[in-house]
């Protein structure tokens, strides 16, 4: 059963300092500051391992331990970043494939200067079965990539992509619909 977290607004950190960032971040996650620091360091070590490990199964396991929901038969290429701060907002369904240098970004954290002008938020990314993300693809928050869809190399996806299509560009646009596939 796939459960997507609900999008939510994030508070601003205030003046940039280690203490303010630690206090605000631990409060957002309902952890005490020590628990948050330990979790953050572990998350970082797992991300570094997954980022450069030449063995796909280890990349998958490291990202699962970070909180990413990952189905069976998933391929995660080298140098992929599955959000550093909120990996638990990412779902990769069975047999989805991420080529190298893919970036899945689940949050947008505006600097204090933009308080009242822009929202800081976190929202899920859902990659459905058999979807394929080409090299250097960036997926922004609150995006679903449809089942069996292909995102061409270098694309930036800011809106949902339906099932069984090819999309490319910045922003990604549908360039082909696979014939004979209901979706």
C-alpha atoms as a PDB file:
ATOM      1  CA  UNK A   1       0.000   0.000   0.000  1.00  0.00           C
ATOM      2  CA  UNK A   2       1.424   3.342  -1.054  1.00  0.00           C
ATOM      3  CA  UNK A   3       0.927   6.230   1.310  1.00  0.00           C
ATOM      4  CA  UNK A   4       1.842   9.699   0.141  1.00  0.00           C
ATOM      5  CA  UNK A   5       2.500  12.275   2.851  1.00  0.00           C
ATOM      6  CA  UNK A   6       0.347  15.379   2.673  1.00  0.00           C
ATOM      7  CA  UNK A   7       1.969  18.630   1.495  1.00  0.00           C
ATOM      8  CA  UNK A   8       2.514  21.109   4.291  1.00  0.00           C
ATOM      9  CA  UNK A   9       3.812  24.592   4.813  1.00  0.00           C
ATOM     10  CA  UNK A  10       7.139  24.989   6.629  1.00  0.00           C
ATOM     11  CA  UNK A  11       8.041  27.816   9.011  1.00  0.00           C
ATOM     12  CA  UNK A  12      10.874  30.223   8.306  1.00  0.00           C
ATOM     13  CA  UNK A  13      14.063  29.671  10.302  1.00  0.00           C
ATOM     14  CA  UNK A  14      14.649  33.236  11.406  1.00  0.00           C
ATOM     15  CA  UNK A  15      18.191  34.571  11.585  1.00  0.00           C
ATOM     16  CA  UNK A  16      20.670  32.068  10.166  1.00  0.00           C
ATOM     17  CA  UNK A  17      22.538  30.379  12.986  1.00  0.00           C
ATOM     18  CA  UNK A  18      23.273  26.832  14.001  1.00  0.00           C
ATOM     19  CA  UNK A  19      21.079  27.086  17.098  1.00  0.00           C
ATOM     20  CA  UNK A  20      18.065  28.609  15.298  1.00  0.00           C
ATOM     21  CA  UNK A  21      18.280  26.042  12.495  1.00  0.00           C
ATOM     22  CA  UNK A  22      18.615  23.153  14.954  1.00  0.00           C
ATOM     23  CA  UNK A  23      15.734  24.368  17.120  1.00  0.00           C
ATOM     24  CA  UNK A  24      13.367  24.993  14.182  1.00  0.00           C
ATOM     25  CA  UNK A  25      14.271  21.785  12.308  1.00  0.00           C
ATOM     26  CA  UNK A  26      13.876  19.567  15.362  1.00  0.00           C
ATOM     27  CA  UNK A  27      10.531  21.220  16.176  1.00  0.00           C
ATOM     28  CA  UNK A  28       9.243  20.616  12.608  1.00  0.00           C
ATOM     29  CA  UNK A  29       9.995  16.905  12.997  1.00  0.00           C
ATOM     30  CA  UNK A  30       8.794  16.631  16.618  1.00  0.00           C
ATOM     31  CA  UNK A  31      12.213  15.489  17.840  1.00  0.00           C
ATOM     32  CA  UNK A  32      14.473  16.835  20.524  1.00  0.00           C
ATOM     33  CA  UNK A  33      17.562  18.597  19.114  1.00  0.00           C
ATOM     34  CA  UNK A  34      19.917  15.705  19.944  1.00  0.00           C
ATOM     35  CA  UNK A  35      17.674  13.138  18.187  1.00  0.00           C
ATOM     36  CA  UNK A  36      17.394  15.441  15.194  1.00  0.00           C
ATOM     37  CA  UNK A  37      21.196  15.870  14.960  1.00  0.00           C
ATOM     38  CA  UNK A  38      21.804  12.110  15.137  1.00  0.00           C
ATOM     39  CA  UNK A  39      19.146  11.467  12.481  1.00  0.00           C
ATOM     40  CA  UNK A  40      20.543  14.246  10.257  1.00  0.00           C
ATOM     41  CA  UNK A  41      24.100  12.867  10.459  1.00  0.00           C
ATOM     42  CA  UNK A  42      22.914   9.299   9.749  1.00  0.00           C
ATOM     43  CA  UNK A  43      20.808  10.564   6.820  1.00  0.00           C
ATOM     44  CA  UNK A  44      23.852  12.387   5.425  1.00  0.00           C
ATOM     45  CA  UNK A  45      26.119   9.320   5.713  1.00  0.00           C
ATOM     46  CA  UNK A  46      23.522   7.105   4.024  1.00  0.00           C
ATOM     47  CA  UNK A  47      23.051   9.691   1.259  1.00  0.00           C
ATOM     48  CA  UNK A  48      26.829   9.864   0.643  1.00  0.00           C
ATOM     49  CA  UNK A  49      27.011   6.071   0.461  1.00  0.00           C
ATOM     50  CA  UNK A  50      24.044   5.823  -1.910  1.00  0.00           C
ATOM     51  CA  UNK A  51      25.359   8.704  -4.028  1.00  0.00           C
ATOM     52  CA  UNK A  52      28.628   7.059  -5.008  1.00  0.00           C
ATOM     53  CA  UNK A  53      28.217   3.325  -4.411  1.00  0.00           C
ATOM     54  CA  UNK A  54      28.657   1.323  -7.653  1.00  0.00           C
ATOM     55  CA  UNK A  55      26.175  -1.368  -6.521  1.00  0.00           C
ATOM     56  CA  UNK A  56      22.498  -0.582  -7.152  1.00  0.00           C
ATOM     57  CA  UNK A  57      21.134  -2.800  -4.369  1.00  0.00           C
ATOM     58  CA  UNK A  58      23.214  -0.877  -1.800  1.00  0.00           C
ATOM     59  CA  UNK A  59      21.995   2.461  -3.221  1.00  0.00           C
ATOM     60  CA  UNK A  60      18.408   1.224  -2.870  1.00  0.00           C
ATOM     61  CA  UNK A  61      18.900  -0.034   0.705  1.00  0.00           C
ATOM     62  CA  UNK A  62      20.598   3.197   1.823  1.00  0.00           C
ATOM     63  CA  UNK A  63      17.740   5.274   0.441  1.00  0.00           C
ATOM     64  CA  UNK A  64      15.165   2.979   2.083  1.00  0.00           C
ATOM     65  CA  UNK A  65      16.939   3.460   5.407  1.00  0.00           C
ATOM     66  CA  UNK A  66      16.728   7.217   4.819  1.00  0.00           C
ATOM     67  CA  UNK A  67      12.925   6.886   4.573  1.00  0.00           C
ATOM     68  CA  UNK A  68      12.278   6.742   0.819  1.00  0.00           C
ATOM     69  CA  UNK A  69       9.429   4.323  -0.028  1.00  0.00           C
ATOM     70  CA  UNK A  70      10.941   2.040  -2.680  1.00  0.00           C
ATOM     71  CA  UNK A  71       9.208  -0.838  -4.483  1.00  0.00           C
ATOM     72  CA  UNK A  72      10.698  -3.977  -6.039  1.00  0.00           C
ATOM     73  CA  UNK A  73      13.066  -3.907  -9.010  1.00  0.00           C
ATOM     74  CA  UNK A  74      13.876  -0.191  -8.695  1.00  0.00           C
ATOM     75  CA  UNK A  75      17.100   1.112 -10.259  1.00  0.00           C
ATOM     76  CA  UNK A  76      18.768   4.230  -8.837  1.00  0.00           C
ATOM     77  CA  UNK A  77      21.743   5.473 -10.853  1.00  0.00           C
ATOM     78  CA  UNK A  78      24.976   6.924  -9.547  1.00  0.00           C
ATOM     79  CA  UNK A  79      25.096  10.485  -8.196  1.00  0.00           C
ATOM     80  CA  UNK A  80      21.342  10.715  -7.554  1.00  0.00           C
ATOM     81  CA  UNK A  81      20.105  12.968  -4.780  1.00  0.00           C
ATOM     82  CA  UNK A  82      16.788  11.950  -3.278  1.00  0.00           C
ATOM     83  CA  UNK A  83      15.967  15.046  -1.210  1.00  0.00           C
ATOM     84  CA  UNK A  84      18.492  15.700   1.574  1.00  0.00           C
ATOM     85  CA  UNK A  85      15.982  17.059   4.098  1.00  0.00           C
ATOM     86  CA  UNK A  86      12.715  15.154   3.503  1.00  0.00           C
ATOM     87  CA  UNK A  87      13.437  11.783   1.827  1.00  0.00           C
ATOM     88  CA  UNK A  88      10.302  10.313   3.451  1.00  0.00           C
ATOM     89  CA  UNK A  89       8.245  12.371   0.958  1.00  0.00           C
ATOM     90  CA  UNK A  90       9.500  10.296  -2.004  1.00  0.00           C
ATOM     91  CA  UNK A  91       7.777   7.183  -3.384  1.00  0.00           C
ATOM     92  CA  UNK A  92       9.429   5.043  -6.096  1.00  0.00           C
ATOM     93  CA  UNK A  93       7.070   2.299  -7.270  1.00  0.00           C
ATOM     94  CA  UNK A  94       8.091  -1.131  -8.623  1.00  0.00           C
ATOM     95  CA  UNK A  95      10.474  -1.220 -11.593  1.00  0.00           C
ATOM     96  CA  UNK A  96      10.938   2.541 -11.792  1.00  0.00           C
ATOM     97  CA  UNK A  97      14.352   3.678 -13.023  1.00  0.00           C
ATOM     98  CA  UNK A  98      16.424   6.756 -12.230  1.00  0.00           C
ATOM     99  CA  UNK A  99      19.472   7.303 -14.437  1.00  0.00           C
ATOM    100  CA  UNK A 100      22.539   9.075 -13.035  1.00  0.00           C
ATOM    101  CA  UNK A 101      22.526  12.603 -11.616  1.00  0.00           C
ATOM    102  CA  UNK A 102      18.764  12.668 -11.005  1.00  0.00           C
ATOM    103  CA  UNK A 103      17.613  15.156  -8.367  1.00  0.00           C
ATOM    104  CA  UNK A 104      14.299  14.657  -6.549  1.00  0.00           C
ATOM    105  CA  UNK A 105      13.507  17.796  -4.539  1.00  0.00           C
ATOM    106  CA  UNK A 106      10.548  17.549  -2.133  1.00  0.00           C
ATOM    107  CA  UNK A 107      10.844  20.908  -0.436  1.00  0.00           C
ATOM    108  CA  UNK A 108      11.199  24.588  -1.140  1.00  0.00           C
ATOM    109  CA  UNK A 109      12.696  26.645   1.650  1.00  0.00           C
ATOM    110  CA  UNK A 110      12.665  30.357   0.861  1.00  0.00           C
ATOM    111  CA  UNK A 111      15.146  32.616   2.669  1.00  0.00           C
ATOM    112  CA  UNK A 112      13.845  34.875   5.444  1.00  0.00           C
ATOM    113  CA  UNK A 113      13.906  37.851   3.042  1.00  0.00           C
ATOM    114  CA  UNK A 114      10.937  36.326   1.181  1.00  0.00           C
ATOM    115  CA  UNK A 115       8.786  35.783   4.280  1.00  0.00           C
ATOM    116  CA  UNK A 116       5.246  36.836   3.336  1.00  0.00           C
ATOM    117  CA  UNK A 117       6.145  36.794  -0.392  1.00  0.00           C
ATOM    118  CA  UNK A 118       6.896  33.104  -1.025  1.00  0.00           C
ATOM    119  CA  UNK A 119       5.885  29.932   0.780  1.00  0.00           C
ATOM    120  CA  UNK A 120       8.268  27.435   2.276  1.00  0.00           C
ATOM    121  CA  UNK A 121       6.743  23.990   1.898  1.00  0.00           C
ATOM    122  CA  UNK A 122       7.326  20.263   1.582  1.00  0.00           C
ATOM    123  CA  UNK A 123       5.288  18.073  -0.796  1.00  0.00           C
ATOM    124  CA  UNK A 124       5.587  14.484  -2.076  1.00  0.00           C
ATOM    125  CA  UNK A 125       7.134  13.156  -5.266  1.00  0.00           C
ATOM    126  CA  UNK A 126       5.556   9.985  -6.653  1.00  0.00           C
ATOM    127  CA  UNK A 127       7.312   8.002  -9.394  1.00  0.00           C
ATOM    128  CA  UNK A 128       4.909   5.304 -10.621  1.00  0.00           C
ATOM    129  CA  UNK A 129       5.657   1.793 -11.957  1.00  0.00           C
ATOM    130  CA  UNK A 130       7.959   1.470 -14.955  1.00  0.00           C
ATOM    131  CA  UNK A 131       8.629   5.210 -15.129  1.00  0.00           C
ATOM    132  CA  UNK A 132      12.094   6.090 -16.408  1.00  0.00           C
ATOM    133  CA  UNK A 133      13.917   9.316 -15.556  1.00  0.00           C
ATOM    134  CA  UNK A 134      16.836  10.074 -17.878  1.00  0.00           C
ATOM    135  CA  UNK A 135      20.208  11.437 -16.838  1.00  0.00           C
ATOM    136  CA  UNK A 136      20.288  14.879 -15.151  1.00  0.00           C
ATOM    137  CA  UNK A 137      16.514  15.077 -14.622  1.00  0.00           C
ATOM    138  CA  UNK A 138      15.200  17.300 -11.820  1.00  0.00           C
ATOM    139  CA  UNK A 139      11.777  16.634 -10.279  1.00  0.00           C
ATOM    140  CA  UNK A 140      10.293  19.451  -8.179  1.00  0.00           C
ATOM    141  CA  UNK A 141       7.908  19.087  -5.196  1.00  0.00           C
ATOM    142  CA  UNK A 142       4.319  17.877  -5.550  1.00  0.00           C
ATOM    143  CA  UNK A 143       4.899  16.014  -8.823  1.00  0.00           C
ATOM    144  CA  UNK A 144       3.698  12.583  -9.929  1.00  0.00           C
ATOM    145  CA  UNK A 145       5.333  10.844 -12.883  1.00  0.00           C
ATOM    146  CA  UNK A 146       2.796   8.510 -14.503  1.00  0.00           C
ATOM    147  CA  UNK A 147       3.143   4.775 -14.976  1.00  0.00           C
ATOM    148  CA  UNK A 148       5.408   3.839 -17.890  1.00  0.00           C
ATOM    149  CA  UNK A 149       6.327   7.444 -18.663  1.00  0.00           C
ATOM    150  CA  UNK A 150       9.777   8.572 -19.787  1.00  0.00           C
ATOM    151  CA  UNK A 151      11.386  11.874 -18.823  1.00  0.00           C
ATOM    152  CA  UNK A 152      14.177  12.790 -21.272  1.00  0.00           C
ATOM    153  CA  UNK A 153      17.683  13.725 -20.160  1.00  0.00           C
ATOM    154  CA  UNK A 154      18.170  17.159 -18.638  1.00  0.00           C
ATOM    155  CA  UNK A 155      14.464  17.861 -18.121  1.00  0.00           C
ATOM    156  CA  UNK A 156      12.973  19.797 -15.213  1.00  0.00           C
ATOM    157  CA  UNK A 157       9.532  18.556 -14.170  1.00  0.00           C
ATOM    158  CA  UNK A 158       7.345  20.990 -12.237  1.00  0.00           C
ATOM    159  CA  UNK A 159       3.892  19.527 -13.006  1.00  0.00           C
ATOM    160  CA  UNK A 160       2.363  16.050 -13.046  1.00  0.00           C
ATOM    161  CA  UNK A 161       3.113  13.852 -16.051  1.00  0.00           C
ATOM    162  CA  UNK A 162       0.362  11.400 -17.132  1.00  0.00           C
ATOM    163  CA  UNK A 163       0.832   7.669 -17.760  1.00  0.00           C
ATOM    164  CA  UNK A 164       2.606   6.313 -20.867  1.00  0.00           C
ATOM    165  CA  UNK A 165       4.091   9.490 -22.352  1.00  0.00           C
ATOM    166  CA  UNK A 166       7.508  10.935 -23.119  1.00  0.00           C
ATOM    167  CA  UNK A 167       8.242  14.411 -21.780  1.00  0.00           C
ATOM    168  CA  UNK A 168      11.271  16.660 -22.154  1.00  0.00           C
ATOM    169  CA  UNK A 169      12.460  20.209 -21.591  1.00  0.00           C
ATOM    170  CA  UNK A 170      12.418  22.904 -18.960  1.00  0.00           C
ATOM    171  CA  UNK A 171       9.644  22.909 -17.996  1.00  0.00           C
ATOM    172  CA  UNK A 172       8.961  19.366 -19.191  1.00  0.00           C
ATOM    173  CA  UNK A 173       6.339  19.114 -21.953  1.00  0.00           C
ATOM    174  CA  UNK A 174       4.773  15.969 -23.405  1.00  0.00           C
ATOM    175  CA  UNK A 175       6.302  15.200 -26.808  1.00  0.00           C
ATOM    176  CA  UNK A 176       4.934  11.697 -27.399  1.00  0.00           C
ATOM    177  CA  UNK A 177       2.070   9.483 -26.253  1.00  0.00           C
ATOM    178  CA  UNK A 178       2.718   5.760 -26.481  1.00  0.00           C
ATOM    179  CA  UNK A 179       0.169   4.288 -28.923  1.00  0.00           C
ATOM    180  CA  UNK A 180      -2.193   1.502 -27.909  1.00  0.00           C
ATOM    181  CA  UNK A 181      -1.707   1.983 -24.177  1.00  0.00           C
ATOM    182  CA  UNK A 182      -4.674   2.863 -21.997  1.00  0.00           C
ATOM    183  CA  UNK A 183      -3.762   5.094 -19.229  1.00  0.00           C
END
